[in-house]
Amino acid sequence: MATGLAKDQPTGFKNHLENIAIVGAGGQVGKYIVEALIANGKHKITALTREGSTNSIPAGVQSIKKINYAQPSTIVEALRGQDALICTLSVRATDEAEKLARAAAEAGVKWILPNEFGNSKNNEQIDRDIIIGIKKGQDRKLIEELGVSSWIGVATGFWYEYSLSAGAWSYGFDIKNRTVTFYDDGAKQINTTTWPQVGRGVANLLALKVLPEDENDKSTTLSQYKNDFVCISSFKVSQQQMFESLLRVTGTSREDWTITSESAKARYARGQEMLKTGNHMGFGLLLYARVFYPDEAGEHPRIDNAALGLPEEEDLDKWTAVAVKMVEEDYFLKEVVPRTTG
């Protein structure tokens, strides 16, 4: 991996990324990333899909390559010539993440955006508590140990419109039945991001120069985030603030809703017990409850929006209205458990 200044690099060095591969191009967040990359117009995009996959790939993707995780050589071949790999996978795709990292190293891919899109903390206790954090940390460490690629973890917090509309197990709101369960008093603020903001953030990140041109170049570069997190946010908001937005958007009052509360720690423990009995909804319950602890697990250590040319904050009511529409259109009819980290 090149370090230092672009002017000092050997002949043939490219100070920008040309070829971007993405796994999950047709997924919940992947399609927004692809659309933003296409809108930027700075890259050739390759979508990697499983053999037999019926997922719809957004228009504008220049190449679609089929891969077979049981045959890692197919992944290596698909990744040859790529400058970066974006992974947007199910939280359950743990074996796939490792295979992608190893294949990327063998193919010479210099940058990997691993399957993060959630937590911004490199904290062992939080990683253990949210269960998936330990494996994510191991995946980042593997990328470094292989010594070819560098990783950038895109930290977004939970996805706002998804989490507000998904049901009582996530942000505590059942919009259709007008019920809300506050974690403690509902005043704890967390960072949360809309899908389009995630897409723009990733696209703008990968459009950065790799290195400063010379000693006088003070612009933001990709290398500044090497083996680190980049933190994106649409809002820093509490459940109470989400609720006030819901009341404005739906034209309802607090009296129209059934309001209860549960401590974040009790809710987390309840999720653990559900998992022990084989109820996988417990995972979603504990995952969301954990970010509302008072230890700032749900807050980014910094916000990189300005460096990426993103608005510092979006219109809360606009995206609350999107969540309400998702409920009205039964977006989650096919959803049983949370499929991603965001």
C-alpha atoms as a PDB file:
ATOM      1  CA  MET A   1       0.000   0.000   0.000  1.00  0.00           C
ATOM      2  CA  ALA A   2       1.440   3.348  -1.035  1.00  0.00           C
ATOM      3  CA  THR A   3       2.141   5.857   1.691  1.00  0.00           C
ATOM      4  CA  GLY A   4       3.493   9.382   1.720  1.00  0.00           C
ATOM      5  CA  LEU A   5       2.946  11.740  -1.213  1.00  0.00           C
ATOM      6  CA  ALA A   6       1.735  11.029  -4.719  1.00  0.00           C
ATOM      7  CA  LYS A   7       4.669  12.879  -6.283  1.00  0.00           C
ATOM      8  CA  ASP A   8       7.101  10.441  -4.666  1.00  0.00           C
ATOM      9  CA  GLN A   9       5.432   7.264  -5.890  1.00  0.00           C
ATOM     10  CA  PRO A  10       6.945   5.061  -8.616  1.00  0.00           C
ATOM     11  CA  THR A  11       5.975   5.318 -12.261  1.00  0.00           C
ATOM     12  CA  GLY A  12       2.535   3.883 -12.910  1.00  0.00           C
ATOM     13  CA  PHE A  13       1.079   4.871  -9.539  1.00  0.00           C
ATOM     14  CA  LYS A  14      -2.577   5.925  -9.786  1.00  0.00           C
ATOM     15  CA  ASN A  15      -3.723   8.468  -7.222  1.00  0.00           C
ATOM     16  CA  HIS A  16      -7.355   7.550  -7.633  1.00  0.00           C
ATOM     17  CA  LEU A  17      -9.502   4.421  -7.697  1.00  0.00           C
ATOM     18  CA  GLU A  18     -10.826   3.346 -11.079  1.00  0.00           C
ATOM     19  CA  ASN A  19     -12.314  -0.113 -10.636  1.00  0.00           C
ATOM     20  CA  ILE A  20     -14.733  -0.844  -7.796  1.00  0.00           C
ATOM     21  CA  ALA A  21     -16.212  -4.271  -7.035  1.00  0.00           C
ATOM     22  CA  ILE A  22     -19.207  -4.679  -4.760  1.00  0.00           C
ATOM     23  CA  VAL A  23     -20.831  -7.697  -3.168  1.00  0.00           C
ATOM     24  CA  GLY A  24     -24.527  -7.133  -2.483  1.00  0.00           C
ATOM     25  CA  ALA A  25     -25.110  -4.540  -5.212  1.00  0.00           C
ATOM     26  CA  GLY A  26     -28.840  -5.271  -5.224  1.00  0.00           C
ATOM     27  CA  GLY A  27     -29.246  -5.369  -1.443  1.00  0.00           C
ATOM     28  CA  GLN A  28     -30.854  -2.964   0.988  1.00  0.00           C
ATOM     29  CA  VAL A  29     -27.893  -0.617   1.293  1.00  0.00           C
ATOM     30  CA  GLY A  30     -25.869  -1.911  -1.648  1.00  0.00           C
ATOM     31  CA  LYS A  31     -28.220  -0.471  -4.241  1.00  0.00           C
ATOM     32  CA  TYR A  32     -27.891   3.003  -2.745  1.00  0.00           C
ATOM     33  CA  ILE A  33     -24.104   2.714  -2.773  1.00  0.00           C
ATOM     34  CA  VAL A  34     -24.123   1.630  -6.415  1.00  0.00           C
ATOM     35  CA  GLU A  35     -26.508   4.422  -7.417  1.00  0.00           C
ATOM     36  CA  ALA A  36     -24.266   7.008  -5.738  1.00  0.00           C
ATOM     37  CA  LEU A  37     -21.128   5.570  -7.344  1.00  0.00           C
ATOM     38  CA  ILE A  38     -22.815   5.748 -10.732  1.00  0.00           C
ATOM     39  CA  ALA A  39     -23.952   9.317 -10.085  1.00  0.00           C
ATOM     40  CA  ASN A  40     -20.366  10.320  -9.264  1.00  0.00           C
ATOM     41  CA  GLY A  41     -19.289   8.925 -12.615  1.00  0.00           C
ATOM     42  CA  LYS A  42     -15.695   8.291 -11.547  1.00  0.00           C
ATOM     43  CA  HIS A  43     -15.505   4.496 -11.473  1.00  0.00           C
ATOM     44  CA  LYS A  44     -16.138   1.325 -13.384  1.00  0.00           C
ATOM     45  CA  ILE A  45     -18.363  -0.821 -11.172  1.00  0.00           C
ATOM     46  CA  THR A  46     -18.383  -4.609 -11.058  1.00  0.00           C
ATOM     47  CA  ALA A  47     -21.106  -6.465  -9.164  1.00  0.00           C
ATOM     48  CA  LEU A  48     -20.155  -9.829  -7.682  1.00  0.00           C
ATOM     49  CA  THR A  49     -23.120 -12.175  -7.284  1.00  0.00           C
ATOM     50  CA  ARG A  50     -23.539 -15.780  -6.263  1.00  0.00           C
ATOM     51  CA  GLU A  51     -24.146 -18.273  -9.005  1.00  0.00           C
ATOM     52  CA  GLY A  52     -27.901 -18.697  -9.261  1.00  0.00           C
ATOM     53  CA  SER A  53     -28.695 -15.397  -7.539  1.00  0.00           C
ATOM     54  CA  THR A  54     -31.872 -13.671  -8.719  1.00  0.00           C
ATOM     55  CA  ASN A  55     -31.134 -10.305  -7.086  1.00  0.00           C
ATOM     56  CA  SER A  56     -31.726  -7.321  -9.333  1.00  0.00           C
ATOM     57  CA  ILE A  57     -28.553  -5.334 -10.081  1.00  0.00           C
ATOM     58  CA  PRO A  58     -28.995  -1.554 -10.480  1.00  0.00           C
ATOM     59  CA  ALA A  59     -28.723  -0.205 -14.006  1.00  0.00           C
ATOM     60  CA  GLY A  60     -25.385   1.374 -14.794  1.00  0.00           C
ATOM     61  CA  VAL A  61     -23.203  -1.400 -13.399  1.00  0.00           C
ATOM     62  CA  GLN A  62     -20.659  -2.093 -16.126  1.00  0.00           C
ATOM     63  CA  SER A  63     -19.896  -5.712 -15.257  1.00  0.00           C
ATOM     64  CA  ILE A  64     -21.573  -8.573 -13.405  1.00  0.00           C
ATOM     65  CA  LYS A  65     -19.431 -11.519 -12.364  1.00  0.00           C
ATOM     66  CA  LYS A  66     -20.721 -14.755 -10.860  1.00  0.00           C
ATOM     67  CA  ILE A  67     -18.825 -16.198  -7.926  1.00  0.00           C
ATOM     68  CA  ASN A  68     -19.018 -19.437  -5.979  1.00  0.00           C
ATOM     69  CA  TYR A  69     -17.954 -19.267  -2.337  1.00  0.00           C
ATOM     70  CA  ALA A  70     -17.242 -23.000  -2.409  1.00  0.00           C
ATOM     71  CA  GLN A  71     -14.671 -22.269  -5.132  1.00  0.00           C
ATOM     72  CA  PRO A  72     -12.563 -19.306  -3.917  1.00  0.00           C
ATOM     73  CA  SER A  73     -10.706 -19.189  -7.231  1.00  0.00           C
ATOM     74  CA  THR A  74     -13.879 -17.785  -8.822  1.00  0.00           C
ATOM     75  CA  ILE A  75     -13.750 -14.872  -6.379  1.00  0.00           C
ATOM     76  CA  VAL A  76     -10.063 -14.265  -7.066  1.00  0.00           C
ATOM     77  CA  GLU A  77     -10.658 -14.148 -10.807  1.00  0.00           C
ATOM     78  CA  ALA A  78     -13.617 -11.804 -10.380  1.00  0.00           C
ATOM     79  CA  LEU A  79     -11.488  -9.433  -8.296  1.00  0.00           C
ATOM     80  CA  ARG A  80      -8.434  -9.244 -10.529  1.00  0.00           C
ATOM     81  CA  GLY A  81      -7.837  -5.669 -11.646  1.00  0.00           C
ATOM     82  CA  GLN A  82     -10.101  -4.180  -8.982  1.00  0.00           C
ATOM     83  CA  ASP A  83      -8.850  -1.264  -6.880  1.00  0.00           C
ATOM     84  CA  ALA A  84     -11.418  -1.669  -4.112  1.00  0.00           C
ATOM     85  CA  LEU A  85     -13.970  -4.161  -2.821  1.00  0.00           C
ATOM     86  CA  ILE A  86     -17.156  -3.130  -1.010  1.00  0.00           C
ATOM     87  CA  CYS A  87     -18.840  -5.845   1.064  1.00  0.00           C
ATOM     88  CA  THR A  88     -22.516  -5.513   1.967  1.00  0.00           C
ATOM     89  CA  LEU A  89     -23.545  -8.894   3.319  1.00  0.00           C
ATOM     90  CA  SER A  90     -25.982 -10.410   5.767  1.00  0.00           C
ATOM     91  CA  VAL A  91     -24.758 -10.442   9.362  1.00  0.00           C
ATOM     92  CA  ARG A  92     -24.873 -14.225   9.083  1.00  0.00           C
ATOM     93  CA  ALA A  93     -22.417 -14.319   6.154  1.00  0.00           C
ATOM     94  CA  THR A  94     -19.363 -14.812   8.372  1.00  0.00           C
ATOM     95  CA  ASP A  95     -17.562 -17.412   6.244  1.00  0.00           C
ATOM     96  CA  GLU A  96     -18.116 -15.356   3.105  1.00  0.00           C
ATOM     97  CA  ALA A  97     -16.436 -12.296   4.635  1.00  0.00           C
ATOM     98  CA  GLU A  98     -13.237 -14.231   5.300  1.00  0.00           C
ATOM     99  CA  LYS A  99     -13.213 -15.778   1.836  1.00  0.00           C
ATOM    100  CA  LEU A 100     -13.666 -12.368   0.240  1.00  0.00           C
ATOM    101  CA  ALA A 101     -10.760 -10.922   2.224  1.00  0.00           C
ATOM    102  CA  ARG A 102      -8.430 -13.767   1.259  1.00  0.00           C
ATOM    103  CA  ALA A 103      -9.479 -13.618  -2.387  1.00  0.00           C
ATOM    104  CA  ALA A 104      -8.990  -9.845  -2.454  1.00  0.00           C
ATOM    105  CA  ALA A 105      -5.457 -10.263  -1.132  1.00  0.00           C
ATOM    106  CA  GLU A 106      -4.662 -12.918  -3.721  1.00  0.00           C
ATOM    107  CA  ALA A 107      -6.072 -10.715  -6.483  1.00  0.00           C
ATOM    108  CA  GLY A 108      -4.107  -7.683  -5.306  1.00  0.00           C
ATOM    109  CA  VAL A 109      -7.060  -5.490  -4.303  1.00  0.00           C
ATOM    110  CA  LYS A 110      -5.639  -2.548  -2.342  1.00  0.00           C
ATOM    111  CA  TRP A 111      -8.732  -1.361  -0.466  1.00  0.00           C
ATOM    112  CA  ILE A 112     -11.570  -3.229   1.237  1.00  0.00           C
ATOM    113  CA  LEU A 113     -14.686  -1.736   2.764  1.00  0.00           C
ATOM    114  CA  PRO A 114     -15.648  -4.722   4.939  1.00  0.00           C
ATOM    115  CA  ASN A 115     -19.111  -5.601   6.126  1.00  0.00           C
ATOM    116  CA  GLU A 116     -19.449  -2.859   8.762  1.00  0.00           C
ATOM    117  CA  PHE A 117     -22.184  -0.225   8.185  1.00  0.00           C
ATOM    118  CA  GLY A 118     -23.073  -0.013  11.844  1.00  0.00           C
ATOM    119  CA  ASN A 119     -20.935   0.282  14.969  1.00  0.00           C
ATOM    120  CA  SER A 120     -18.161   2.893  15.033  1.00  0.00           C
ATOM    121  CA  LYS A 121     -16.365   1.565  18.096  1.00  0.00           C
ATOM    122  CA  ASN A 122     -13.308  -0.651  18.152  1.00  0.00           C
ATOM    123  CA  ASN A 123     -14.245  -1.754  21.667  1.00  0.00           C
ATOM    124  CA  GLU A 124     -13.898  -5.354  22.813  1.00  0.00           C
ATOM    125  CA  GLN A 125     -16.693  -5.186  25.399  1.00  0.00           C
ATOM    126  CA  ILE A 126     -19.188  -3.688  22.956  1.00  0.00           C
ATOM    127  CA  ASP A 127     -18.060  -6.180  20.289  1.00  0.00           C
ATOM    128  CA  ARG A 128     -18.837  -9.061  22.658  1.00  0.00           C
ATOM    129  CA  ASP A 129     -22.160  -7.586  23.701  1.00  0.00           C
ATOM    130  CA  ILE A 130     -23.464  -7.144  20.169  1.00  0.00           C
ATOM    131  CA  ILE A 131     -22.175 -10.632  19.262  1.00  0.00           C
ATOM    132  CA  ILE A 132     -21.300  -9.786  15.644  1.00  0.00           C
ATOM    133  CA  GLY A 133     -18.613  -7.326  16.723  1.00  0.00           C
ATOM    134  CA  ILE A 134     -16.015  -9.975  17.558  1.00  0.00           C
ATOM    135  CA  LYS A 135     -16.137 -11.499  14.075  1.00  0.00           C
ATOM    136  CA  LYS A 136     -16.006  -8.095  12.440  1.00  0.00           C
ATOM    137  CA  GLY A 137     -12.875  -7.289  14.428  1.00  0.00           C
ATOM    138  CA  GLN A 138     -11.340 -10.581  13.353  1.00  0.00           C
ATOM    139  CA  ASP A 139     -12.130  -9.800   9.723  1.00  0.00           C
ATOM    140  CA  ARG A 140     -10.397  -6.426   9.971  1.00  0.00           C
ATOM    141  CA  LYS A 141      -7.373  -8.027  11.614  1.00  0.00           C
ATOM    142  CA  LEU A 142      -7.195 -10.685   8.881  1.00  0.00           C
ATOM    143  CA  ILE A 143      -7.100  -8.015   6.173  1.00  0.00           C
ATOM    144  CA  GLU A 144      -4.134  -6.386   7.900  1.00  0.00           C
ATOM    145  CA  GLU A 145      -2.343  -9.700   8.465  1.00  0.00           C
ATOM    146  CA  LEU A 146      -2.640 -10.698   4.816  1.00  0.00           C
ATOM    147  CA  GLY A 147      -0.615  -7.568   4.100  1.00  0.00           C
ATOM    148  CA  VAL A 148      -2.019  -6.656   0.685  1.00  0.00           C
ATOM    149  CA  SER A 149      -5.208  -4.711   1.299  1.00  0.00           C
ATOM    150  CA  SER A 150      -6.119  -1.960   3.742  1.00  0.00           C
ATOM    151  CA  TRP A 151      -9.586  -1.679   5.239  1.00  0.00           C
ATOM    152  CA  ILE A 152     -11.881   1.267   5.867  1.00  0.00           C
ATOM    153  CA  GLY A 153     -14.852   0.565   8.127  1.00  0.00           C
ATOM    154  CA  VAL A 154     -17.860   2.643   7.120  1.00  0.00           C
ATOM    155  CA  ALA A 155     -19.638   3.395  10.397  1.00  0.00           C
ATOM    156  CA  THR A 156     -23.193   4.619   9.989  1.00  0.00           C
ATOM    157  CA  GLY A 157     -25.037   3.600  13.126  1.00  0.00           C
ATOM    158  CA  PHE A 158     -28.357   1.933  12.404  1.00  0.00           C
ATOM    159  CA  TRP A 159     -30.196   2.915   9.222  1.00  0.00           C
ATOM    160  CA  TYR A 160     -32.845   5.445  10.179  1.00  0.00           C
ATOM    161  CA  GLU A 161     -35.813   4.741   7.902  1.00  0.00           C
ATOM    162  CA  TYR A 162     -35.266   0.989   8.201  1.00  0.00           C
ATOM    163  CA  SER A 163     -35.022   1.005  11.988  1.00  0.00           C
ATOM    164  CA  LEU A 164     -37.886   3.394  12.586  1.00  0.00           C
ATOM    165  CA  SER A 165     -40.260   1.335  10.445  1.00  0.00           C
ATOM    166  CA  ALA A 166     -39.071  -2.213  11.213  1.00  0.00           C
ATOM    167  CA  GLY A 167     -41.154  -2.674  14.358  1.00  0.00           C
ATOM    168  CA  ALA A 168     -41.020  -2.498  18.125  1.00  0.00           C
ATOM    169  CA  TRP A 169     -37.854  -4.649  18.317  1.00  0.00           C
ATOM    170  CA  SER A 170     -35.639  -1.945  16.775  1.00  0.00           C
ATOM    171  CA  TYR A 171     -36.183   1.729  17.603  1.00  0.00           C
ATOM    172  CA  GLY A 172     -39.167   0.771  19.750  1.00  0.00           C
ATOM    173  CA  PHE A 173     -41.929   2.021  17.450  1.00  0.00           C
ATOM    174  CA  ASP A 174     -44.845   0.044  16.047  1.00  0.00           C
ATOM    175  CA  ILE A 175     -46.130   2.718  13.706  1.00  0.00           C
ATOM    176  CA  LYS A 176     -49.081   0.742  12.380  1.00  0.00           C
ATOM    177  CA  ASN A 177     -50.449   0.037  15.857  1.00  0.00           C
ATOM    178  CA  ARG A 178     -49.261   3.351  17.321  1.00  0.00           C
ATOM    179  CA  THR A 179     -47.216   1.966  20.192  1.00  0.00           C
ATOM    180  CA  VAL A 180     -43.792   3.003  21.427  1.00  0.00           C
ATOM    181  CA  THR A 181     -41.458   1.513  24.013  1.00  0.00           C
ATOM    182  CA  PHE A 182     -38.802   3.909  25.223  1.00  0.00           C
ATOM    183  CA  TYR A 183     -35.402   2.642  26.309  1.00  0.00           C
ATOM    184  CA  ASP A 184     -35.309   4.086  29.834  1.00  0.00           C
ATOM    185  CA  ASP A 185     -36.612   7.656  29.408  1.00  0.00           C
ATOM    186  CA  GLY A 186     -36.095   7.744  25.638  1.00  0.00           C
ATOM    187  CA  ALA A 187     -33.694  10.681  25.893  1.00  0.00           C
ATOM    188  CA  LYS A 188     -30.454   8.910  24.951  1.00  0.00           C
ATOM    189  CA  GLN A 189     -29.172  10.242  21.615  1.00  0.00           C
ATOM    190  CA  ILE A 190     -27.514   8.023  19.007  1.00  0.00           C
ATOM    191  CA  ASN A 191     -26.126   8.538  15.514  1.00  0.00           C
ATOM    192  CA  THR A 192     -28.276   7.112  12.750  1.00  0.00           C
ATOM    193  CA  THR A 193     -28.046   7.375   8.971  1.00  0.00           C
ATOM    194  CA  THR A 194     -30.403   7.140   5.992  1.00  0.00           C
ATOM    195  CA  TRP A 195     -29.696   4.734   3.155  1.00  0.00           C
ATOM    196  CA  PRO A 196     -29.038   7.492   0.571  1.00  0.00           C
ATOM    197  CA  GLN A 197     -26.623   9.232   2.953  1.00  0.00           C
ATOM    198  CA  VAL A 198     -24.718   5.942   3.323  1.00  0.00           C
ATOM    199  CA  GLY A 199     -24.560   5.649  -0.457  1.00  0.00           C
ATOM    200  CA  ARG A 200     -23.289   9.187  -0.929  1.00  0.00           C
ATOM    201  CA  GLY A 201     -20.756   8.737   1.854  1.00  0.00           C
ATOM    202  CA  VAL A 202     -19.247   5.602   0.343  1.00  0.00           C
ATOM    203  CA  ALA A 203     -19.192   7.075  -3.162  1.00  0.00           C
ATOM    204  CA  ASN A 204     -17.561  10.310  -2.008  1.00  0.00           C
ATOM    205  CA  LEU A 205     -15.046   8.392   0.093  1.00  0.00           C
ATOM    206  CA  LEU A 206     -13.921   6.282  -2.854  1.00  0.00           C
ATOM    207  CA  ALA A 207     -13.741   9.361  -5.084  1.00  0.00           C
ATOM    208  CA  LEU A 208     -11.016  10.868  -2.866  1.00  0.00           C
ATOM    209  CA  LYS A 209      -7.396  10.974  -3.959  1.00  0.00           C
ATOM    210  CA  VAL A 210      -5.426   8.115  -2.449  1.00  0.00           C
ATOM    211  CA  LEU A 211      -2.539  10.337  -1.263  1.00  0.00           C
ATOM    212  CA  PRO A 212      -1.835  14.073  -1.019  1.00  0.00           C
ATOM    213  CA  GLU A 213      -0.246  15.311  -4.246  1.00  0.00           C
ATOM    214  CA  ASP A 214       2.592  17.099  -2.422  1.00  0.00           C
ATOM    215  CA  GLU A 215       3.486  18.813   0.859  1.00  0.00           C
ATOM    216  CA  ASN A 216       1.066  21.663   0.140  1.00  0.00           C
ATOM    217  CA  ASP A 217      -1.949  19.432  -0.529  1.00  0.00           C
ATOM    218  CA  LYS A 218      -4.177  19.585   2.555  1.00  0.00           C
ATOM    219  CA  SER A 219      -7.233  17.957   0.980  1.00  0.00           C
ATOM    220  CA  THR A 220      -8.876  14.884   2.484  1.00  0.00           C
ATOM    221  CA  THR A 221      -7.455  11.646   1.082  1.00  0.00           C
ATOM    222  CA  LEU A 222      -8.361   7.985   1.222  1.00  0.00           C
ATOM    223  CA  SER A 223      -5.131   7.153   3.026  1.00  0.00           C
ATOM    224  CA  GLN A 224      -6.255   9.209   6.024  1.00  0.00           C
ATOM    225  CA  TYR A 225      -8.779   6.464   6.791  1.00  0.00           C
ATOM    226  CA  LYS A 226      -6.433   3.526   6.202  1.00  0.00           C
ATOM    227  CA  ASN A 227      -7.241   0.715   8.668  1.00  0.00           C
ATOM    228  CA  ASP A 228      -9.674   2.967  10.498  1.00  0.00           C
ATOM    229  CA  PHE A 229     -13.335   3.916  10.572  1.00  0.00           C
ATOM    230  CA  VAL A 230     -14.974   6.702   8.627  1.00  0.00           C
ATOM    231  CA  CYS A 231     -18.043   7.951  10.498  1.00  0.00           C
ATOM    232  CA  ILE A 232     -21.185   9.005   8.642  1.00  0.00           C
ATOM    233  CA  SER A 233     -24.399  10.293  10.196  1.00  0.00           C
ATOM    234  CA  SER A 234     -27.712  11.808   9.166  1.00  0.00           C
ATOM    235  CA  PHE A 235     -28.938  12.630  12.665  1.00  0.00           C
ATOM    236  CA  LYS A 236     -27.889  12.537  16.284  1.00  0.00           C
ATOM    237  CA  VAL A 237     -31.297  11.912  17.757  1.00  0.00           C
ATOM    238  CA  SER A 238     -33.150  10.333  20.682  1.00  0.00           C
ATOM    239  CA  GLN A 239     -36.271   8.201  20.685  1.00  0.00           C
ATOM    240  CA  GLN A 240     -38.159  11.154  22.127  1.00  0.00           C
ATOM    241  CA  GLN A 241     -37.068  13.288  19.181  1.00  0.00           C
ATOM    242  CA  MET A 242     -38.026  10.523  16.753  1.00  0.00           C
ATOM    243  CA  PHE A 243     -41.422  10.372  18.431  1.00  0.00           C
ATOM    244  CA  GLU A 244     -41.973  14.108  18.123  1.00  0.00           C
ATOM    245  CA  SER A 245     -41.127  13.805  14.429  1.00  0.00           C
ATOM    246  CA  LEU A 246     -43.596  10.925  14.075  1.00  0.00           C
ATOM    247  CA  LEU A 247     -46.315  12.989  15.711  1.00  0.00           C
ATOM    248  CA  ARG A 248     -45.711  15.825  13.261  1.00  0.00           C
ATOM    249  CA  VAL A 249     -45.628  13.555  10.223  1.00  0.00           C
ATOM    250  CA  THR A 250     -48.698  11.507  11.168  1.00  0.00           C
ATOM    251  CA  GLY A 251     -50.688  14.407  12.593  1.00  0.00           C
ATOM    252  CA  THR A 252     -51.243  12.504  15.834  1.00  0.00           C
ATOM    253  CA  SER A 253     -50.770  13.396  19.490  1.00  0.00           C
ATOM    254  CA  ARG A 254     -49.183  11.471  22.338  1.00  0.00           C
ATOM    255  CA  GLU A 255     -52.656  10.553  23.539  1.00  0.00           C
ATOM    256  CA  ASP A 256     -53.165   8.582  20.309  1.00  0.00           C
ATOM    257  CA  TRP A 257     -50.257   6.272  21.154  1.00  0.00           C
ATOM    258  CA  THR A 258     -49.678   3.587  23.749  1.00  0.00           C
ATOM    259  CA  ILE A 259     -46.436   4.550  25.493  1.00  0.00           C
ATOM    260  CA  THR A 260     -44.366   2.240  27.684  1.00  0.00           C
ATOM    261  CA  SER A 261     -40.729   2.080  28.769  1.00  0.00           C
ATOM    262  CA  GLU A 262     -38.161  -0.603  29.541  1.00  0.00           C
ATOM    263  CA  SER A 263     -34.590  -0.186  30.679  1.00  0.00           C
ATOM    264  CA  ALA A 264     -32.056  -0.752  27.916  1.00  0.00           C
ATOM    265  CA  LYS A 265     -30.229  -3.295  30.070  1.00  0.00           C
ATOM    266  CA  ALA A 266     -33.410  -5.247  30.858  1.00  0.00           C
ATOM    267  CA  ARG A 267     -34.318  -5.271  27.182  1.00  0.00           C
ATOM    268  CA  TYR A 268     -30.833  -6.487  26.291  1.00  0.00           C
ATOM    269  CA  ALA A 269     -31.136  -9.311  28.852  1.00  0.00           C
ATOM    270  CA  ARG A 270     -34.531 -10.254  27.438  1.00  0.00           C
ATOM    271  CA  GLY A 271     -32.988 -10.494  23.975  1.00  0.00           C
ATOM    272  CA  GLN A 272     -30.294 -12.791  25.342  1.00  0.00           C
ATOM    273  CA  GLU A 273     -32.898 -15.109  26.863  1.00  0.00           C
ATOM    274  CA  MET A 274     -34.838 -15.208  23.600  1.00  0.00           C
ATOM    275  CA  LEU A 275     -31.707 -16.240  21.729  1.00  0.00           C
ATOM    276  CA  LYS A 276     -31.023 -19.019  24.245  1.00  0.00           C
ATOM    277  CA  THR A 277     -34.423 -20.511  23.461  1.00  0.00           C
ATOM    278  CA  GLY A 278     -33.794 -20.355  19.712  1.00  0.00           C
ATOM    279  CA  ASN A 279     -35.820 -17.210  19.041  1.00  0.00           C
ATOM    280  CA  HIS A 280     -33.626 -15.237  16.650  1.00  0.00           C
ATOM    281  CA  MET A 281     -35.665 -12.080  17.123  1.00  0.00           C
ATOM    282  CA  GLY A 282     -33.736 -11.819  20.369  1.00  0.00           C
ATOM    283  CA  PHE A 283     -30.650 -10.852  18.391  1.00  0.00           C
ATOM    284  CA  GLY A 284     -32.327  -7.746  16.998  1.00  0.00           C
ATOM    285  CA  LEU A 285     -33.683  -6.878  20.424  1.00  0.00           C
ATOM    286  CA  LEU A 286     -30.299  -7.040  22.156  1.00  0.00           C
ATOM    287  CA  LEU A 287     -28.468  -5.400  19.261  1.00  0.00           C
ATOM    288  CA  TYR A 288     -30.630  -2.280  19.353  1.00  0.00           C
ATOM    289  CA  ALA A 289     -30.901  -2.190  23.138  1.00  0.00           C
ATOM    290  CA  ARG A 290     -27.119  -2.148  23.465  1.00  0.00           C
ATOM    291  CA  VAL A 291     -26.669   1.130  21.585  1.00  0.00           C
ATOM    292  CA  PHE A 292     -28.976   2.914  24.032  1.00  0.00           C
ATOM    293  CA  TYR A 293     -26.728   2.136  27.017  1.00  0.00           C
ATOM    294  CA  PRO A 294     -25.279   5.224  28.737  1.00  0.00           C
ATOM    295  CA  ASP A 295     -21.715   4.336  27.609  1.00  0.00           C
ATOM    296  CA  GLU A 296     -22.117   6.094  24.234  1.00  0.00           C
ATOM    297  CA  ALA A 297     -22.058   2.836  22.268  1.00  0.00           C
ATOM    298  CA  GLY A 298     -24.482   4.394  19.785  1.00  0.00           C
ATOM    299  CA  GLU A 299     -22.535   7.634  19.288  1.00  0.00           C
ATOM    300  CA  HIS A 300     -19.730   8.147  16.783  1.00  0.00           C
ATOM    301  CA  PRO A 301     -16.421   9.399  18.208  1.00  0.00           C
ATOM    302  CA  ARG A 302     -16.417  12.004  15.438  1.00  0.00           C
ATOM    303  CA  ILE A 303     -18.439  12.851  12.324  1.00  0.00           C
ATOM    304  CA  ASP A 304     -16.694  12.835   8.928  1.00  0.00           C
ATOM    305  CA  ASN A 305     -19.599  14.260   6.913  1.00  0.00           C
ATOM    306  CA  ALA A 306     -17.852  17.549   6.086  1.00  0.00           C
ATOM    307  CA  ALA A 307     -14.682  15.809   4.913  1.00  0.00           C
ATOM    308  CA  LEU A 308     -16.808  13.706   2.557  1.00  0.00           C
ATOM    309  CA  GLY A 309     -18.884  16.609   1.255  1.00  0.00           C
ATOM    310  CA  LEU A 310     -22.051  15.410   3.001  1.00  0.00           C
ATOM    311  CA  PRO A 311     -24.672  17.527   4.750  1.00  0.00           C
ATOM    312  CA  GLU A 312     -24.054  17.620   8.493  1.00  0.00           C
ATOM    313  CA  GLU A 313     -27.693  16.755   9.125  1.00  0.00           C
ATOM    314  CA  GLU A 314     -30.656  15.800   6.981  1.00  0.00           C
ATOM    315  CA  ASP A 315     -34.326  16.712   7.292  1.00  0.00           C
ATOM    316  CA  LEU A 316     -35.614  14.486  10.109  1.00  0.00           C
ATOM    317  CA  ASP A 317     -39.307  14.782   9.262  1.00  0.00           C
ATOM    318  CA  LYS A 318     -38.642  13.984   5.598  1.00  0.00           C
ATOM    319  CA  TRP A 319     -37.069  10.649   6.501  1.00  0.00           C
ATOM    320  CA  THR A 320     -39.593   9.910   9.206  1.00  0.00           C
ATOM    321  CA  ALA A 321     -42.220  10.273   6.475  1.00  0.00           C
ATOM    322  CA  VAL A 322     -40.287   7.745   4.370  1.00  0.00           C
ATOM    323  CA  ALA A 323     -40.408   5.301   7.304  1.00  0.00           C
ATOM    324  CA  VAL A 324     -44.162   5.820   7.699  1.00  0.00           C
ATOM    325  CA  LYS A 325     -44.648   5.153   3.991  1.00  0.00           C
ATOM    326  CA  MET A 326     -42.609   1.952   4.257  1.00  0.00           C
ATOM    327  CA  VAL A 327     -45.005   0.743   6.952  1.00  0.00           C
ATOM    328  CA  GLU A 328     -48.051   1.733   4.915  1.00  0.00           C
ATOM    329  CA  GLU A 329     -46.679  -0.173   1.923  1.00  0.00           C
ATOM    330  CA  ASP A 330     -45.854  -3.277   4.021  1.00  0.00           C
ATOM    331  CA  TYR A 331     -42.154  -3.114   3.191  1.00  0.00           C
ATOM    332  CA  PHE A 332     -41.354  -5.697   5.873  1.00  0.00           C
ATOM    333  CA  LEU A 333     -43.851  -8.379   4.892  1.00  0.00           C
ATOM    334  CA  LYS A 334     -40.935 -10.594   3.873  1.00  0.00           C
ATOM    335  CA  GLU A 335     -38.690  -9.535   6.742  1.00  0.00           C
ATOM    336  CA  VAL A 336     -38.441 -11.887   9.731  1.00  0.00           C
ATOM    337  CA  VAL A 337     -35.151 -10.983  11.417  1.00  0.00           C
ATOM    338  CA  PRO A 338     -32.678  -8.162  10.771  1.00  0.00           C
ATOM    339  CA  ARG A 339     -30.611  -9.092   7.731  1.00  0.00           C
ATOM    340  CA  THR A 340     -27.871  -6.519   7.987  1.00  0.00           C
ATOM    341  CA  THR A 341     -25.846  -4.559  10.476  1.00  0.00           C
ATOM    342  CA  GLY A 342     -27.339  -1.200   9.764  1.00  0.00           C
END
